[in-house]
Amino acid sequence: MKSYLIDANVILRVLTGSPESQADQAARFLVAAENGDHEVIIPSMVIAEVVFVLSGSVYQIPRPLLVEQLLHFLSNPALHVVERDIIHRALSLFSKSNVDFVDCYLAAAASSEGRHIATFDKDFKKLGDSNQCLTLLQENIS
């Protein structure tokens, strides 16, 4: 069985339905995965790109709606989402905050893996419980 790493543009076509011909082709590709014809793997970096594009100036999808649509898409059992639990936690943080997705991802990964985040970015403080993993470099480094 072939195994595919999926690019963000395939996910974007499915979620936006545009352009229609590519959205149809992407949907058929995913149906084939559901039928066991091939495996589809979604790297974390691809999720970050999808979030960036859909929340950006072109689509401007509100965070809660974007997260709802993306979680629904990712719930497809035919899709292998790399770091699924971390991605779900990052999306949850993203939907409830005004923090960039990559920062939400770092907070989720640090919390999940018992690691710390070294940063100059004070936005991490907006993430509440994720603060136990935070080290602001200008204040403290050890």
Protein backbone atom coordinates (compact mmCIF):
# COMPACT_ATOMS: atom_id res chain seq x y z
CA MET A 1 0.00 0.00 0.00
CA LYS A 2 1.27 3.45 -0.87
CA SER A 3 1.75 5.94 1.93
CA TYR A 4 1.33 9.66 1.27
CA LEU A 5 2.41 12.71 3.22
CA ILE A 6 -0.37 15.19 2.53
CA ASP A 7 0.38 18.82 1.69
CA ALA A 8 -1.57 21.70 3.19
CA ASN A 9 -3.06 22.63 -0.17
CA VAL A 10 -4.93 19.32 -0.35
CA ILE A 11 -6.51 19.96 3.07
CA LEU A 12 -7.25 23.56 2.13
CA ARG A 13 -9.06 22.45 -1.03
CA VAL A 14 -11.25 20.07 0.96
CA LEU A 15 -12.03 22.61 3.69
CA THR A 16 -12.68 25.56 1.37
CA GLY A 17 -14.17 23.72 -1.61
CA SER A 18 -12.12 25.96 -3.87
CA PRO A 19 -11.13 25.68 -6.63
CA GLU A 20 -13.93 23.18 -7.16
CA SER A 21 -12.07 20.83 -9.51
CA GLN A 22 -9.16 20.47 -7.07
CA ALA A 23 -11.53 20.16 -4.10
CA ASP A 24 -13.28 17.27 -5.87
CA GLN A 25 -9.97 15.60 -6.67
CA ALA A 26 -8.78 16.03 -3.06
CA ALA A 27 -12.05 14.58 -1.76
CA ARG A 28 -11.68 11.53 -4.05
CA PHE A 29 -8.10 11.06 -2.80
CA LEU A 30 -9.37 11.00 0.81
CA VAL A 31 -12.23 8.62 -0.03
CA ALA A 32 -9.66 6.27 -1.54
CA ALA A 33 -7.77 6.39 1.77
CA GLU A 34 -11.00 5.61 3.63
CA ASN A 35 -11.42 2.59 1.32
CA GLY A 36 -7.92 1.38 2.25
CA ASP A 37 -6.34 2.12 -1.13
CA HIS A 38 -3.53 4.14 0.45
CA GLU A 39 -2.39 5.67 3.72
CA VAL A 40 -2.50 9.42 4.37
CA ILE A 41 -0.16 10.99 6.92
CA ILE A 42 -0.56 14.59 8.06
CA PRO A 43 2.61 16.09 9.60
CA SER A 44 2.25 18.69 12.36
CA MET A 45 3.90 21.32 10.18
CA VAL A 46 1.13 20.91 7.61
CA ILE A 47 -1.54 21.56 10.25
CA ALA A 48 0.33 24.75 11.19
CA GLU A 49 0.27 25.91 7.58
CA VAL A 50 -3.45 25.16 7.24
CA VAL A 51 -4.21 27.15 10.40
CA PHE A 52 -2.02 30.03 9.21
CA VAL A 53 -3.75 30.21 5.81
CA LEU A 54 -7.33 29.84 7.05
CA SER A 55 -6.92 32.35 9.89
CA GLY A 56 -5.01 34.82 7.69
CA SER A 57 -6.11 37.78 5.63
CA VAL A 58 -7.52 35.80 2.68
CA TYR A 59 -10.00 33.49 4.46
CA GLN A 60 -10.25 35.19 7.89
CA ILE A 61 -12.09 32.23 9.42
CA PRO A 62 -12.79 32.93 13.11
CA ARG A 63 -10.69 30.75 15.39
CA PRO A 64 -13.51 28.72 16.99
CA LEU A 65 -15.02 27.89 13.58
CA LEU A 66 -11.61 27.10 12.06
CA VAL A 67 -10.79 24.74 14.93
CA GLU A 68 -14.21 23.07 14.74
CA GLN A 69 -13.82 22.45 10.99
CA LEU A 70 -10.24 21.26 11.29
CA LEU A 71 -10.98 18.90 14.20
CA HIS A 72 -13.87 17.44 12.22
CA PHE A 73 -11.58 16.90 9.23
CA LEU A 74 -8.83 15.37 11.40
CA SER A 75 -11.29 12.99 13.07
CA ASN A 76 -11.38 10.92 9.88
CA PRO A 77 -9.96 7.54 11.00
CA ALA A 78 -8.31 7.08 7.60
CA LEU A 79 -5.94 9.96 8.37
CA HIS A 80 -2.81 9.45 10.44
CA VAL A 81 -2.20 12.76 12.19
CA VAL A 82 1.37 12.99 13.51
CA GLU A 83 1.29 14.06 17.18
CA ARG A 84 -2.52 13.90 17.18
CA ASP A 85 -2.92 14.59 20.92
CA ILE A 86 -0.55 17.56 20.85
CA ILE A 87 -2.29 18.95 17.76
CA HIS A 88 -5.70 18.65 19.44
CA ARG A 89 -4.44 20.42 22.57
CA ALA A 90 -2.75 23.12 20.45
CA LEU A 91 -5.98 23.68 18.50
CA SER A 92 -7.90 23.96 21.76
CA LEU A 93 -5.46 26.58 23.06
CA PHE A 94 -5.59 28.39 19.71
CA SER A 95 -9.39 28.58 19.72
CA LYS A 96 -9.46 30.15 23.20
CA SER A 97 -6.60 32.63 22.89
CA ASN A 98 -5.08 35.33 20.75
CA VAL A 99 -1.79 33.46 20.48
CA ASP A 100 -0.20 32.16 17.26
CA PHE A 101 -0.81 28.50 16.50
CA VAL A 102 2.89 27.62 16.60
CA ASP A 103 3.13 29.04 20.12
CA CYS A 104 0.04 27.03 21.09
CA TYR A 105 1.71 23.96 19.59
CA LEU A 106 4.88 24.58 21.60
CA ALA A 107 2.87 24.99 24.81
CA ALA A 108 0.94 21.79 24.12
CA ALA A 109 4.11 19.85 23.27
CA ALA A 110 5.99 21.14 26.33
CA SER A 111 3.09 20.27 28.61
CA SER A 112 2.65 16.83 27.07
CA GLU A 113 6.36 15.98 27.14
CA GLY A 114 7.24 17.59 30.50
CA ARG A 115 9.59 20.06 28.83
CA HIS A 116 10.12 23.81 29.16
CA ILE A 117 9.88 26.57 26.57
CA ALA A 118 12.71 29.09 26.28
CA THR A 119 11.36 32.26 24.73
CA PHE A 120 11.34 36.04 24.69
CA ASP A 121 7.62 36.00 23.76
CA LYS A 122 5.32 37.08 26.57
CA ASP A 123 2.28 35.83 24.62
CA PHE A 124 2.83 32.44 26.24
CA LYS A 125 1.56 33.93 29.51
CA LYS A 126 -1.88 34.20 27.86
CA LEU A 127 -2.11 30.43 27.73
CA GLY A 128 -2.86 29.95 31.42
CA ASP A 129 -1.97 26.46 32.66
CA SER A 130 0.80 26.15 30.09
CA ASN A 131 2.81 28.70 32.09
CA GLN A 132 4.45 26.01 34.26
CA CYS A 133 6.56 25.09 31.22
CA LEU A 134 7.57 28.68 30.45
CA THR A 135 10.95 30.33 30.85
CA LEU A 136 11.09 33.94 29.66
CA LEU A 137 14.71 34.44 28.70
CA GLN A 138 14.93 38.09 29.66
CA GLU A 139 13.75 37.23 33.19
CA ASN A 140 15.42 33.93 33.93
CA ILE A 141 17.50 31.30 32.20
CA SER A 142 18.78 28.20 33.89
